[in-house]
C-alpha atoms as a PDB file:
ATOM      1  CA  MET A   1       0.189  57.541 -11.566  1.00  0.00           C
ATOM      2  CA  ASN A   2       2.243  55.568  -8.255  1.00  0.00           C
ATOM      3  CA  ASP A   3       5.699  54.404  -8.296  1.00  0.00           C
ATOM      4  CA  ASN A   4       5.179  50.720  -9.295  1.00  0.00           C
ATOM      5  CA  GLU A   5       2.978  51.622 -12.480  1.00  0.00           C
ATOM      6  CA  TYR A   6       5.599  54.175 -13.370  1.00  0.00           C
ATOM      7  CA  LEU A   7       8.520  51.900 -12.933  1.00  0.00           C
ATOM      8  CA  THR A   8       6.794  48.511 -14.424  1.00  0.00           C
ATOM      9  CA  GLY A   9       5.854  50.872 -17.404  1.00  0.00           C
ATOM     10  CA  THR A  10       9.326  52.159 -17.986  1.00  0.00           C
ATOM     11  CA  ILE A  11      10.438  48.536 -17.469  1.00  0.00           C
ATOM     12  CA  GLY A  12       8.077  47.675 -20.419  1.00  0.00           C
ATOM     13  CA  ASN A  13       9.297  50.537 -22.664  1.00  0.00           C
ATOM     14  CA  MET A  14      13.110  49.708 -22.443  1.00  0.00           C
ATOM     15  CA  LEU A  15      12.715  45.941 -22.942  1.00  0.00           C
ATOM     16  CA  CYS A  16      10.622  46.716 -25.803  1.00  0.00           C
ATOM     17  CA  LYS A  17      13.448  48.664 -27.488  1.00  0.00           C
ATOM     18  CA  GLY A  18      15.605  46.045 -26.701  1.00  0.00           C
ATOM     19  CA  SER A  19      17.586  47.555 -23.667  1.00  0.00           C
ATOM     20  CA  SER A  20      18.562  45.713 -20.783  1.00  0.00           C
ATOM     21  CA  LEU A  21      18.335  47.168 -17.398  1.00  0.00           C
ATOM     22  CA  VAL A  22      18.777  46.639 -13.751  1.00  0.00           C
ATOM     23  CA  LEU A  23      16.227  46.595 -11.249  1.00  0.00           C
ATOM     24  CA  ALA A  24      17.594  48.059  -7.568  1.00  0.00           C
ATOM     25  CA  SER A  25      15.487  46.957  -4.779  1.00  0.00           C
ATOM     26  CA  ILE A  26      15.589  47.348  -1.205  1.00  0.00           C
ATOM     27  CA  VAL A  27      14.812  43.841   0.181  1.00  0.00           C
ATOM     28  CA  SER A  28      15.965  43.761   3.672  1.00  0.00           C
ATOM     29  CA  LEU A  29      16.357  46.743   6.236  1.00  0.00           C
ATOM     30  CA  GLN A  30      17.492  47.325   9.896  1.00  0.00           C
ATOM     31  CA  GLY A  31      16.957  50.328  11.850  1.00  0.00           C
ATOM     32  CA  SER A  32      16.106  53.964   9.724  1.00  0.00           C
ATOM     33  CA  SER A  33      16.627  54.411   5.922  1.00  0.00           C
ATOM     34  CA  PRO A  34      15.196  57.154   3.820  1.00  0.00           C
ATOM     35  CA  ARG A  35      12.911  54.706   1.974  1.00  0.00           C
ATOM     36  CA  HIS A  36      11.169  51.505   3.133  1.00  0.00           C
ATOM     37  CA  ARG A  37      11.644  47.704   2.193  1.00  0.00           C
ATOM     38  CA  GLY A  38      10.153  47.348  -1.530  1.00  0.00           C
ATOM     39  CA  THR A  39      11.232  50.684  -2.759  1.00  0.00           C
ATOM     40  CA  LYS A  40      12.600  50.288  -6.189  1.00  0.00           C
ATOM     41  CA  MET A  41      14.860  52.220  -8.673  1.00  0.00           C
ATOM     42  CA  ILE A  42      15.707  51.447 -12.454  1.00  0.00           C
ATOM     43  CA  VAL A  43      19.491  52.071 -13.757  1.00  0.00           C
ATOM     44  CA  ASP A  44      19.862  51.769 -17.654  1.00  0.00           C
ATOM     45  CA  GLU A  45      22.696  50.753 -19.730  1.00  0.00           C
ATOM     46  CA  GLN A  46      23.729  54.446 -19.998  1.00  0.00           C
ATOM     47  CA  GLY A  47      23.724  54.967 -16.256  1.00  0.00           C
ATOM     48  CA  LYS A  48      20.668  56.775 -16.194  1.00  0.00           C
ATOM     49  CA  SER A  49      18.349  56.017 -13.232  1.00  0.00           C
ATOM     50  CA  TYR A  50      14.561  55.900 -12.616  1.00  0.00           C
ATOM     51  CA  GLY A  51      13.215  56.456  -9.488  1.00  0.00           C
ATOM     52  CA  THR A  52      14.995  56.850  -5.713  1.00  0.00           C
ATOM     53  CA  ILE A  53      15.873  54.239  -3.510  1.00  0.00           C
ATOM     54  CA  GLY A  54      16.808  57.433  -0.891  1.00  0.00           C
ATOM     55  CA  GLY A  55      19.545  59.521  -2.526  1.00  0.00           C
ATOM     56  CA  SER A  56      22.766  60.221  -1.085  1.00  0.00           C
ATOM     57  CA  LEU A  57      26.134  58.060  -1.367  1.00  0.00           C
ATOM     58  CA  LEU A  58      23.996  54.735  -0.947  1.00  0.00           C
ATOM     59  CA  GLU A  59      22.226  55.755  -4.426  1.00  0.00           C
ATOM     60  CA  ALA A  60      25.211  56.644  -5.949  1.00  0.00           C
ATOM     61  CA  THR A  61      26.920  53.769  -4.863  1.00  0.00           C
ATOM     62  CA  VAL A  62      24.043  51.486  -6.156  1.00  0.00           C
ATOM     63  CA  ILE A  63      24.023  52.687  -9.698  1.00  0.00           C
ATOM     64  CA  ASN A  64      27.857  52.494 -10.040  1.00  0.00           C
ATOM     65  CA  ASP A  65      27.324  48.842  -8.998  1.00  0.00           C
ATOM     66  CA  ALA A  66      24.289  48.623 -11.263  1.00  0.00           C
ATOM     67  CA  ALA A  67      26.702  49.881 -14.153  1.00  0.00           C
ATOM     68  CA  ILE A  68      29.023  46.982 -13.543  1.00  0.00           C
ATOM     69  CA  ALA A  69      26.016  44.175 -13.036  1.00  0.00           C
ATOM     70  CA  LEU A  70      25.175  45.395 -16.724  1.00  0.00           C
ATOM     71  CA  SER A  71      28.267  45.424 -18.311  1.00  0.00           C
ATOM     72  CA  GLU A  72      28.986  41.760 -16.707  1.00  0.00           C
ATOM     73  CA  LYS A  73      25.215  40.484 -17.068  1.00  0.00           C
ATOM     74  CA  GLN A  74      25.103  39.756 -13.599  1.00  0.00           C
ATOM     75  CA  SER A  75      22.888  40.120 -10.784  1.00  0.00           C
ATOM     76  CA  ARG A  76      24.205  41.202  -7.291  1.00  0.00           C
ATOM     77  CA  LEU A  77      23.184  41.621  -3.442  1.00  0.00           C
ATOM     78  CA  LEU A  78      24.652  44.489  -1.856  1.00  0.00           C
ATOM     79  CA  SER A  79      24.877  44.915   1.694  1.00  0.00           C
ATOM     80  CA  PHE A  80      25.295  48.528   3.600  1.00  0.00           C
ATOM     81  CA  ASP A  81      25.877  49.820   6.770  1.00  0.00           C
ATOM     82  CA  LEU A  82      24.443  52.986   7.692  1.00  0.00           C
ATOM     83  CA  THR A  83      24.715  53.019  11.512  1.00  0.00           C
ATOM     84  CA  GLY A  84      27.870  55.286  11.427  1.00  0.00           C
ATOM     85  CA  ASP A  85      30.713  52.983  11.691  1.00  0.00           C
ATOM     86  CA  SER A  86      31.289  52.294   8.070  1.00  0.00           C
ATOM     87  CA  ALA A  87      33.254  54.345   5.547  1.00  0.00           C
ATOM     88  CA  TYR A  88      30.092  55.735   4.354  1.00  0.00           C
ATOM     89  CA  SER A  89      29.071  57.225   7.686  1.00  0.00           C
ATOM     90  CA  LYS A  90      28.967  60.739   6.839  1.00  0.00           C
ATOM     91  CA  ASP A  91      26.989  60.528   4.107  1.00  0.00           C
ATOM     92  CA  MET A  92      24.486  58.064   4.962  1.00  0.00           C
ATOM     93  CA  ILE A  93      23.608  59.201   8.764  1.00  0.00           C
ATOM     94  CA  CYS A  94      20.050  57.071   8.903  1.00  0.00           C
ATOM     95  CA  GLY A  95      21.253  54.291  11.187  1.00  0.00           C
ATOM     96  CA  GLY A  96      20.356  51.405   9.577  1.00  0.00           C
ATOM     97  CA  ARG A  97      21.435  48.324   7.592  1.00  0.00           C
ATOM     98  CA  ALA A  98      20.116  47.430   4.076  1.00  0.00           C
ATOM     99  CA  GLU A  99      20.218  44.905   1.572  1.00  0.00           C
ATOM    100  CA  ILE A 100      19.646  45.747  -2.119  1.00  0.00           C
ATOM    101  CA  LEU A 101      19.163  43.366  -4.716  1.00  0.00           C
ATOM    102  CA  LEU A 102      20.671  44.437  -8.174  1.00  0.00           C
ATOM    103  CA  ASP A 103      18.130  42.396 -10.441  1.00  0.00           C
ATOM    104  CA  PHE A 104      19.868  42.094 -14.226  1.00  0.00           C
ATOM    105  CA  ILE A 105      16.892  42.008 -16.574  1.00  0.00           C
ATOM    106  CA  PRO A 106      18.130  40.987 -19.756  1.00  0.00           C
ATOM    107  CA  ALA A 107      15.997  42.082 -22.762  1.00  0.00           C
ATOM    108  CA  THR A 108      14.252  39.038 -23.840  1.00  0.00           C
ATOM    109  CA  LYS A 109      10.634  38.701 -25.082  1.00  0.00           C
ATOM    110  CA  GLU A 110       9.951  36.887 -22.057  1.00  0.00           C
ATOM    111  CA  ASN A 111      10.884  39.442 -19.629  1.00  0.00           C
ATOM    112  CA  LEU A 112       9.120  41.877 -22.086  1.00  0.00           C
ATOM    113  CA  ASP A 113       5.771  40.065 -21.883  1.00  0.00           C
ATOM    114  CA  PHE A 114       5.969  39.627 -17.958  1.00  0.00           C
ATOM    115  CA  PHE A 115       6.756  43.181 -17.149  1.00  0.00           C
ATOM    116  CA  ASN A 116       4.049  44.058 -19.574  1.00  0.00           C
ATOM    117  CA  ASN A 117       1.341  42.121 -18.119  1.00  0.00           C
ATOM    118  CA  LEU A 118       2.581  43.171 -14.298  1.00  0.00           C
ATOM    119  CA  HIS A 119       2.114  46.927 -15.284  1.00  0.00           C
ATOM    120  CA  ASP A 120      -1.302  46.277 -16.808  1.00  0.00           C
ATOM    121  CA  ALA A 121      -2.312  44.123 -13.810  1.00  0.00           C
ATOM    122  CA  ILE A 122      -1.096  47.470 -11.574  1.00  0.00           C
ATOM    123  CA  ARG A 123      -2.747  50.053 -14.098  1.00  0.00           C
ATOM    124  CA  ALA A 124      -5.782  48.192 -13.338  1.00  0.00           C
ATOM    125  CA  GLY A 125      -5.821  48.515  -9.647  1.00  0.00           C
ATOM    126  CA  ARG A 126      -5.443  44.800  -8.551  1.00  0.00           C
ATOM    127  CA  ASP A 127      -3.950  43.789  -5.768  1.00  0.00           C
ATOM    128  CA  LEU A 128      -0.716  41.225  -5.964  1.00  0.00           C
ATOM    129  CA  PHE A 129       2.484  39.943  -5.203  1.00  0.00           C
ATOM    130  CA  PHE A 130       5.797  40.609  -7.474  1.00  0.00           C
ATOM    131  CA  LEU A 131       8.032  38.016  -6.302  1.00  0.00           C
ATOM    132  CA  THR A 132      11.757  37.400  -7.607  1.00  0.00           C
ATOM    133  CA  VAL A 133      13.491  34.282  -7.101  1.00  0.00           C
ATOM    134  CA  TYR A 134      16.896  34.048  -6.631  1.00  0.00           C
ATOM    135  CA  ARG A 135      20.188  31.946  -5.909  1.00  0.00           C
ATOM    136  CA  HIS A 136      23.167  33.778  -4.058  1.00  0.00           C
ATOM    137  CA  SER A 137      26.667  33.182  -3.171  1.00  0.00           C
ATOM    138  CA  GLY A 138      28.580  36.070  -1.481  1.00  0.00           C
ATOM    139  CA  GLN A 139      27.810  39.203  -3.500  1.00  0.00           C
ATOM    140  CA  PHE A 140      26.657  37.228  -6.742  1.00  0.00           C
ATOM    141  CA  VAL A 141      23.135  36.585  -7.543  1.00  0.00           C
ATOM    142  CA  GLU A 142      21.553  34.146  -9.947  1.00  0.00           C
ATOM    143  CA  VAL A 143      17.981  35.435 -10.538  1.00  0.00           C
ATOM    144  CA  LEU A 144      15.776  32.377 -11.477  1.00  0.00           C
ATOM    145  CA  GLY A 145      12.803  33.931 -12.270  1.00  0.00           C
ATOM    146  CA  HIS A 146       9.656  36.293 -11.569  1.00  0.00           C
ATOM    147  CA  SER A 147       5.890  35.520 -10.642  1.00  0.00           C
ATOM    148  CA  ARG A 148       2.927  37.680 -10.016  1.00  0.00           C
ATOM    149  CA  LEU A 149       0.771  35.876  -7.235  1.00  0.00           C
ATOM    150  CA  THR A 150      -2.929  37.013  -6.866  1.00  0.00           C
ATOM    151  CA  PRO A 151      -4.589  36.952  -3.434  1.00  0.00           C
ATOM    152  CA  ASP A 152      -6.497  34.274  -4.687  1.00  0.00           C
ATOM    153  CA  GLY A 153      -3.700  32.070  -5.080  1.00  0.00           C
ATOM    154  CA  LYS A 154      -3.288  32.017  -8.813  1.00  0.00           C
ATOM    155  CA  ILE A 155       0.263  32.820 -10.102  1.00  0.00           C
ATOM    156  CA  SER A 156       2.052  33.331 -13.298  1.00  0.00           C
ATOM    157  CA  GLY A 157       5.555  34.195 -14.595  1.00  0.00           C
ATOM    158  CA  ASN A 158       8.878  32.381 -15.900  1.00  0.00           C
ATOM    159  CA  TYR A 159       9.527  30.365 -12.836  1.00  0.00           C
ATOM    160  CA  PRO A 160       8.234  27.107 -12.739  1.00  0.00           C
ATOM    161  CA  TRP A 161       7.215  26.799  -9.055  1.00  0.00           C
ATOM    162  CA  PRO A 162       7.140  23.384  -7.461  1.00  0.00           C
ATOM    163  CA  ASP A 163       4.182  22.662  -5.004  1.00  0.00           C
ATOM    164  CA  PHE A 164       6.104  22.772  -1.746  1.00  0.00           C
ATOM    165  CA  ASP A 165       7.663  25.782  -2.359  1.00  0.00           C
ATOM    166  CA  LEU A 166       4.167  27.158  -3.789  1.00  0.00           C
ATOM    167  CA  ASP A 167       2.275  25.949  -0.478  1.00  0.00           C
ATOM    168  CA  ALA A 168       5.260  27.614   1.389  1.00  0.00           C
ATOM    169  CA  LEU A 169       4.826  30.672  -0.655  1.00  0.00           C
ATOM    170  CA  GLN A 170       1.166  31.066  -0.296  1.00  0.00           C
ATOM    171  CA  CYS A 171       1.421  30.747   3.455  1.00  0.00           C
ATOM    172  CA  ALA A 172       4.280  33.330   3.730  1.00  0.00           C
ATOM    173  CA  ALA A 173       2.359  36.036   1.509  1.00  0.00           C
ATOM    174  CA  LYS A 174      -1.194  35.577   3.085  1.00  0.00           C
ATOM    175  CA  GLY A 175      -1.857  39.113   4.951  1.00  0.00           C
ATOM    176  CA  LEU A 176       1.616  40.389   4.214  1.00  0.00           C
ATOM    177  CA  ALA A 177       1.783  44.194   4.574  1.00  0.00           C
ATOM    178  CA  ALA A 178       5.637  44.991   3.557  1.00  0.00           C
ATOM    179  CA  THR A 179       8.299  43.508   1.363  1.00  0.00           C
ATOM    180  CA  THR A 180      10.083  40.508   2.838  1.00  0.00           C
ATOM    181  CA  VAL A 181      12.713  37.504   1.760  1.00  0.00           C
ATOM    182  CA  LEU A 182      11.428  33.796   1.987  1.00  0.00           C
ATOM    183  CA  LYS A 183      13.953  31.367   2.248  1.00  0.00           C
ATOM    184  CA  LEU A 184      13.082  28.089   0.259  1.00  0.00           C
ATOM    185  CA  ALA A 185      14.865  24.720   0.575  1.00  0.00           C
ATOM    186  CA  ASP A 186      17.711  25.857  -2.146  1.00  0.00           C
ATOM    187  CA  SER A 187      17.050  29.734  -3.291  1.00  0.00           C
ATOM    188  CA  SER A 188      15.295  32.569  -1.690  1.00  0.00           C
ATOM    189  CA  VAL A 189      12.246  34.851  -2.947  1.00  0.00           C
ATOM    190  CA  VAL A 190      11.708  38.605  -2.463  1.00  0.00           C
ATOM    191  CA  ILE A 191       7.825  38.645  -2.060  1.00  0.00           C
ATOM    192  CA  ASP A 192       6.550  42.286  -2.940  1.00  0.00           C
ATOM    193  CA  PRO A 193       3.124  43.166  -1.798  1.00  0.00           C
ATOM    194  CA  ILE A 194       1.629  45.621  -4.186  1.00  0.00           C
ATOM    195  CA  ARG A 195      -1.746  46.836  -3.500  1.00  0.00           C
ATOM    196  CA  LYS A 196      -3.873  48.632  -5.647  1.00  0.00           C
ATOM    197  CA  THR A 197      -3.596  52.158  -6.079  1.00  0.00           C
ATOM    198  CA  GLU A 198      -5.930  54.399  -3.849  1.00  0.00           C
ATOM    199  CA  THR A 199      -8.434  56.766  -5.912  1.00  0.00           C
ATOM    200  CA  LEU A 200      -9.123  60.220  -4.939  1.00  0.00           C
ATOM    201  CA  PHE A 201     -12.711  61.238  -5.614  1.00  0.00           C
ATOM    202  CA  CYS A 202     -12.640  65.237  -6.073  1.00  0.00           C
ATOM    203  CA  PHE A 203     -16.340  66.525  -5.614  1.00  0.00           C
ATOM    204  CA  GLY A 204     -15.914  69.921  -6.941  1.00  0.00           C
ATOM    205  CA  ALA A 205     -13.884  71.329  -9.958  1.00  0.00           C
ATOM    206  CA  GLY A 206     -12.963  74.894  -8.704  1.00  0.00           C
ATOM    207  CA  HIS A 207      -9.782  76.823  -7.921  1.00  0.00           C
ATOM    208  CA  VAL A 208      -8.726  74.414  -5.106  1.00  0.00           C
ATOM    209  CA  ALA A 209      -9.557  71.404  -7.192  1.00  0.00           C
ATOM    210  CA  MET A 210      -6.830  72.152  -9.699  1.00  0.00           C
ATOM    211  CA  PRO A 211      -4.057  72.309  -7.564  1.00  0.00           C
ATOM    212  CA  THR A 212      -5.139  69.191  -5.362  1.00  0.00           C
ATOM    213  CA  ALA A 213      -5.708  67.308  -8.023  1.00  0.00           C
ATOM    214  CA  HIS A 214      -2.128  67.721  -9.610  1.00  0.00           C
ATOM    215  CA  ILE A 215      -0.118  67.455  -6.491  1.00  0.00           C
ATOM    216  CA  ALA A 216      -2.340  64.130  -5.458  1.00  0.00           C
ATOM    217  CA  ALA A 217      -1.315  62.525  -8.769  1.00  0.00           C
ATOM    218  CA  LEU A 218       2.244  63.390  -8.507  1.00  0.00           C
ATOM    219  CA  ALA A 219       1.686  61.835  -5.038  1.00  0.00           C
ATOM    220  CA  GLY A 220       0.750  58.479  -6.692  1.00  0.00           C
ATOM    221  CA  PHE A 221      -3.384  58.693  -6.182  1.00  0.00           C
ATOM    222  CA  ARG A 222      -5.637  58.060  -9.164  1.00  0.00           C
ATOM    223  CA  VAL A 223      -7.875  61.107  -9.442  1.00  0.00           C
ATOM    224  CA  VAL A 224     -11.330  61.383 -10.253  1.00  0.00           C
ATOM    225  CA  VAL A 225     -12.799  64.935 -10.541  1.00  0.00           C
ATOM    226  CA  ILE A 226     -16.669  65.162 -10.073  1.00  0.00           C
ATOM    227  CA  ASP A 227     -18.722  68.425 -11.035  1.00  0.00           C
ATOM    228  CA  ASP A 228     -21.976  69.632 -12.652  1.00  0.00           C
ATOM    229  CA  ARG A 229     -20.113  72.059 -14.959  1.00  0.00           C
ATOM    230  CA  ALA A 230     -18.497  70.921 -17.608  1.00  0.00           C
ATOM    231  CA  GLU A 231     -16.547  73.910 -18.579  1.00  0.00           C
ATOM    232  CA  TYR A 232     -14.979  73.604 -15.127  1.00  0.00           C
ATOM    233  CA  ALA A 233     -14.680  69.721 -15.172  1.00  0.00           C
ATOM    234  CA  ASN A 234     -12.449  69.263 -18.418  1.00  0.00           C
ATOM    235  CA  ALA A 235      -9.260  67.806 -19.465  1.00  0.00           C
ATOM    236  CA  GLU A 236      -7.678  71.575 -20.211  1.00  0.00           C
ATOM    237  CA  ARG A 237      -8.221  72.356 -16.485  1.00  0.00           C
ATOM    238  CA  PHE A 238      -7.333  68.769 -14.909  1.00  0.00           C
ATOM    239  CA  PRO A 239      -4.582  67.054 -17.544  1.00  0.00           C
ATOM    240  CA  ASP A 240      -3.494  65.222 -14.695  1.00  0.00           C
ATOM    241  CA  ALA A 241      -7.264  63.682 -13.928  1.00  0.00           C
ATOM    242  CA  ASP A 242      -7.395  60.000 -14.685  1.00  0.00           C
ATOM    243  CA  GLU A 243     -11.193  60.466 -14.971  1.00  0.00           C
ATOM    244  CA  LEU A 244     -13.617  63.133 -15.206  1.00  0.00           C
ATOM    245  CA  ARG A 245     -17.372  63.150 -13.994  1.00  0.00           C
ATOM    246  CA  ILE A 246     -20.059  65.670 -15.052  1.00  0.00           C
ATOM    247  CA  VAL A 247     -23.292  64.946 -13.436  1.00  0.00           C
ATOM    248  CA  ASN A 248     -26.914  66.747 -13.394  1.00  0.00           C
ATOM    249  CA  ASP A 249     -26.609  67.680  -9.891  1.00  0.00           C
ATOM    250  CA  PHE A 250     -24.782  66.535  -6.705  1.00  0.00           C
ATOM    251  CA  ASN A 251     -27.798  63.944  -5.357  1.00  0.00           C
ATOM    252  CA  GLN A 252     -26.381  61.779  -8.288  1.00  0.00           C
ATOM    253  CA  ALA A 253     -22.985  61.944  -8.184  1.00  0.00           C
ATOM    254  CA  PHE A 254     -22.372  58.884  -6.561  1.00  0.00           C
ATOM    255  CA  ASN A 255     -24.333  57.055  -9.113  1.00  0.00           C
ATOM    256  CA  GLY A 256     -21.886  54.432 -11.004  1.00  0.00           C
ATOM    257  CA  LEU A 257     -18.871  54.983  -8.394  1.00  0.00           C
ATOM    258  CA  THR A 258     -17.098  52.204  -6.916  1.00  0.00           C
ATOM    259  CA  ILE A 259     -16.046  53.464  -3.161  1.00  0.00           C
ATOM    260  CA  ASP A 260     -13.956  51.186  -0.667  1.00  0.00           C
ATOM    261  CA  ALA A 261     -11.327  51.378   1.634  1.00  0.00           C
ATOM    262  CA  ASP A 262      -8.893  52.392  -0.645  1.00  0.00           C
ATOM    263  CA  SER A 263     -10.788  55.476  -1.668  1.00  0.00           C
ATOM    264  CA  TYR A 264     -10.356  59.128  -0.600  1.00  0.00           C
ATOM    265  CA  ILE A 265     -13.059  61.664  -0.983  1.00  0.00           C
ATOM    266  CA  ILE A 266     -12.553  65.389  -0.647  1.00  0.00           C
ATOM    267  CA  ILE A 267     -15.466  67.784  -0.815  1.00  0.00           C
ATOM    268  CA  VAL A 268     -14.535  70.851  -2.455  1.00  0.00           C
ATOM    269  CA  THR A 269     -17.814  72.149  -3.999  1.00  0.00           C
ATOM    270  CA  ARG A 270     -18.621  75.671  -4.612  1.00  0.00           C
ATOM    271  CA  GLY A 271     -21.331  75.579  -2.367  1.00  0.00           C
ATOM    272  CA  HIS A 272     -22.595  75.092   1.375  1.00  0.00           C
ATOM    273  CA  ALA A 273     -25.667  72.878   0.069  1.00  0.00           C
ATOM    274  CA  PHE A 274     -23.798  70.810  -2.133  1.00  0.00           C
ATOM    275  CA  ASP A 275     -21.147  70.412   0.230  1.00  0.00           C
ATOM    276  CA  ARG A 276     -23.776  69.019   2.410  1.00  0.00           C
ATOM    277  CA  THR A 277     -25.418  66.829   0.064  1.00  0.00           C
ATOM    278  CA  VAL A 278     -22.065  65.235  -0.747  1.00  0.00           C
ATOM    279  CA  LEU A 279     -20.961  64.682   2.666  1.00  0.00           C
ATOM    280  CA  ALA A 280     -24.569  62.927   3.664  1.00  0.00           C
ATOM    281  CA  GLU A 281     -23.735  60.245   0.613  1.00  0.00           C
ATOM    282  CA  SER A 282     -20.298  60.180   1.516  1.00  0.00           C
ATOM    283  CA  LEU A 283     -20.870  58.872   5.279  1.00  0.00           C
ATOM    284  CA  LYS A 284     -22.800  56.077   3.466  1.00  0.00           C
ATOM    285  CA  THR A 285     -19.832  54.897   1.881  1.00  0.00           C
ATOM    286  CA  LYS A 286     -17.062  52.436   3.328  1.00  0.00           C
ATOM    287  CA  ALA A 287     -14.287  55.596   2.116  1.00  0.00           C
ATOM    288  CA  GLY A 288     -10.957  55.414   4.071  1.00  0.00           C
ATOM    289  CA  TYR A 289     -10.874  58.887   3.992  1.00  0.00           C
ATOM    290  CA  ILE A 290     -13.182  61.964   3.686  1.00  0.00           C
ATOM    291  CA  GLY A 291     -12.517  65.172   4.042  1.00  0.00           C
ATOM    292  CA  MET A 292     -14.654  68.579   3.667  1.00  0.00           C
ATOM    293  CA  ILE A 293     -13.083  72.005   2.900  1.00  0.00           C
ATOM    294  CA  SER A 294     -14.875  74.365   5.586  1.00  0.00           C
ATOM    295  CA  SER A 295     -14.644  76.979   8.176  1.00  0.00           C
ATOM    296  CA  ARG A 296     -15.481  75.549  11.518  1.00  0.00           C
ATOM    297  CA  ARG A 297     -18.681  77.648  11.547  1.00  0.00           C
ATOM    298  CA  LYS A 298     -19.641  76.536   8.171  1.00  0.00           C
ATOM    299  CA  ARG A 299     -18.875  73.099   9.325  1.00  0.00           C
ATOM    300  CA  ASP A 300     -20.858  72.998  12.292  1.00  0.00           C
ATOM    301  CA  ALA A 301     -24.022  74.166  10.858  1.00  0.00           C
ATOM    302  CA  ILE A 302     -23.662  71.173   8.119  1.00  0.00           C
ATOM    303  CA  TYR A 303     -23.090  68.729  11.115  1.00  0.00           C
ATOM    304  CA  SER A 304     -26.236  70.246  12.934  1.00  0.00           C
ATOM    305  CA  ALA A 305     -28.447  69.875   9.567  1.00  0.00           C
ATOM    306  CA  LEU A 306     -27.228  66.177   8.995  1.00  0.00           C
ATOM    307  CA  THR A 307     -27.580  65.571  13.131  1.00  0.00           C
ATOM    308  CA  ALA A 308     -30.961  66.515  12.804  1.00  0.00           C
ATOM    309  CA  GLU A 309     -31.592  64.395   9.825  1.00  0.00           C
ATOM    310  CA  GLY A 310     -30.291  61.140  12.024  1.00  0.00           C
ATOM    311  CA  VAL A 311     -26.673  61.052  11.165  1.00  0.00           C
ATOM    312  CA  SER A 312     -24.976  59.960  14.248  1.00  0.00           C
ATOM    313  CA  LYS A 313     -21.993  61.574  15.749  1.00  0.00           C
ATOM    314  CA  GLU A 314     -19.800  58.520  15.324  1.00  0.00           C
ATOM    315  CA  ALA A 315     -20.307  58.808  11.494  1.00  0.00           C
ATOM    316  CA  LEU A 316     -19.523  62.596  11.321  1.00  0.00           C
ATOM    317  CA  ALA A 317     -16.567  61.687  13.453  1.00  0.00           C
ATOM    318  CA  ARG A 318     -15.027  60.208  10.438  1.00  0.00           C
ATOM    319  CA  VAL A 319     -14.882  63.438   8.750  1.00  0.00           C
ATOM    320  CA  HIS A 320     -11.663  65.522   8.334  1.00  0.00           C
ATOM    321  CA  SER A 321     -12.672  69.087   8.589  1.00  0.00           C
ATOM    322  CA  PRO A 322     -11.705  71.466   8.358  1.00  0.00           C
ATOM    323  CA  ILE A 323      -9.363  69.477   5.742  1.00  0.00           C
ATOM    324  CA  GLY A 324      -5.738  69.572   5.596  1.00  0.00           C
ATOM    325  CA  ILE A 325      -2.786  69.752   7.624  1.00  0.00           C
ATOM    326  CA  PRO A 326      -2.639  73.242   9.301  1.00  0.00           C
ATOM    327  CA  ILE A 327       0.125  75.034   7.805  1.00  0.00           C
ATOM    328  CA  GLY A 328      -1.140  78.488   7.645  1.00  0.00           C
ATOM    329  CA  GLY A 329      -1.498  78.871   3.813  1.00  0.00           C
ATOM    330  CA  GLU A 330      -4.404  80.651   2.081  1.00  0.00           C
ATOM    331  CA  THR A 331      -3.911  80.455  -1.492  1.00  0.00           C
ATOM    332  CA  PRO A 332      -5.529  77.545  -3.874  1.00  0.00           C
ATOM    333  CA  ALA A 333      -2.090  76.161  -4.164  1.00  0.00           C
ATOM    334  CA  GLU A 334      -1.368  76.302  -0.311  1.00  0.00           C
ATOM    335  CA  ILE A 335      -4.645  74.625   0.828  1.00  0.00           C
ATOM    336  CA  SER A 336      -4.267  72.101  -1.755  1.00  0.00           C
ATOM    337  CA  ILE A 337      -0.575  71.187  -0.469  1.00  0.00           C
ATOM    338  CA  SER A 338      -2.115  70.919   3.052  1.00  0.00           C
ATOM    339  CA  ILE A 339      -5.008  68.707   1.586  1.00  0.00           C
ATOM    340  CA  VAL A 340      -2.590  66.370  -0.046  1.00  0.00           C
ATOM    341  CA  ALA A 341      -0.089  66.290   2.715  1.00  0.00           C
ATOM    342  CA  GLU A 342      -3.213  65.271   4.972  1.00  0.00           C
ATOM    343  CA  LEU A 343      -3.903  62.283   2.237  1.00  0.00           C
ATOM    344  CA  ILE A 344      -0.480  61.218   2.325  1.00  0.00           C
ATOM    345  CA  SER A 345      -0.448  60.573   6.168  1.00  0.00           C
ATOM    346  CA  GLU A 346      -3.467  58.913   6.209  1.00  0.00           C
ATOM    347  CA  ARG A 347      -1.875  56.637   3.407  1.00  0.00           C
ATOM    348  CA  TYR A 348       0.854  55.935   5.463  1.00  0.00           C
ATOM    349  CA  LYS A 349      -0.783  55.273   8.821  1.00  0.00           C
ATOM    350  CA  LYS A 350      -2.957  52.389   6.899  1.00  0.00           C
ATOM    351  CA  LYS A 351       0.364  50.752   5.832  1.00  0.00           C
ATOM    352  CA  SER A 352       2.200  51.309   9.233  1.00  0.00           C
END
């Protein structure tokens, strides 16, 4: 489960129970900060926080101000100087400036319906833009509504968009990769691009696959485990997997799978021949990442066999093998950490 799915699900649960909340979002950022624009955190009526915007004194200050926003039922816009010249410098030493929107969200049916629908769309793996429209005077903010915009221009939510504003919005959102604030005639809108959750296809359900699936799920990947042994690929061994697939053999392992640029493939089967089969099929896909666990000797033997079958060197250059970032580990848990570290690294390269 990624951060957006977790946070929108948490918001829905709170609103369903009749509890108002504050959604704190980094909407503007200059220089360095522990987290990026668009990072969010929830603060509830008891002062408990869900998620993080970077920790330190900045987060503690935001939580305190969120409690005030909740008591006053009033949204706020906070500015922080992290350059070292402010009173916060010794605890906020990253060297940047940030604006954080404290969006007071009352427990209304309208808000409940919106955030439940938003959560369902994120969980279904759809690309979208989350929009927050507001006016502000100094620190005090009036949130006018929230909307969901799809890449094809369809918009829904509880803010009535004028046609001229909608045109400007669609133009600004086109190709947007990071959270930005668009100034309108008499208001502003935070445009949060939310991409569908990346899927990790784990071919093999052995000792390395188990901790890899668990850590990848914690890191926000949707996890699909594929093996030809039901006694290995099961919910008891893989409680964090979103999907478990049992195949007759690995030659049919890709049947019914949708693999695109947001897909990550790792090959950790139990044998040389199975790895070769899965790798050959992987190279026919548009997967954004392909990794194979292997010694260099075994990798070279597989590459030689595939080259003899007509696979190009350019195609094989897509493969990360031996898989993972070198950390010197050798246990299944250590290997899995190195694998997921590489997956995370590749994911952020795509976003930069």
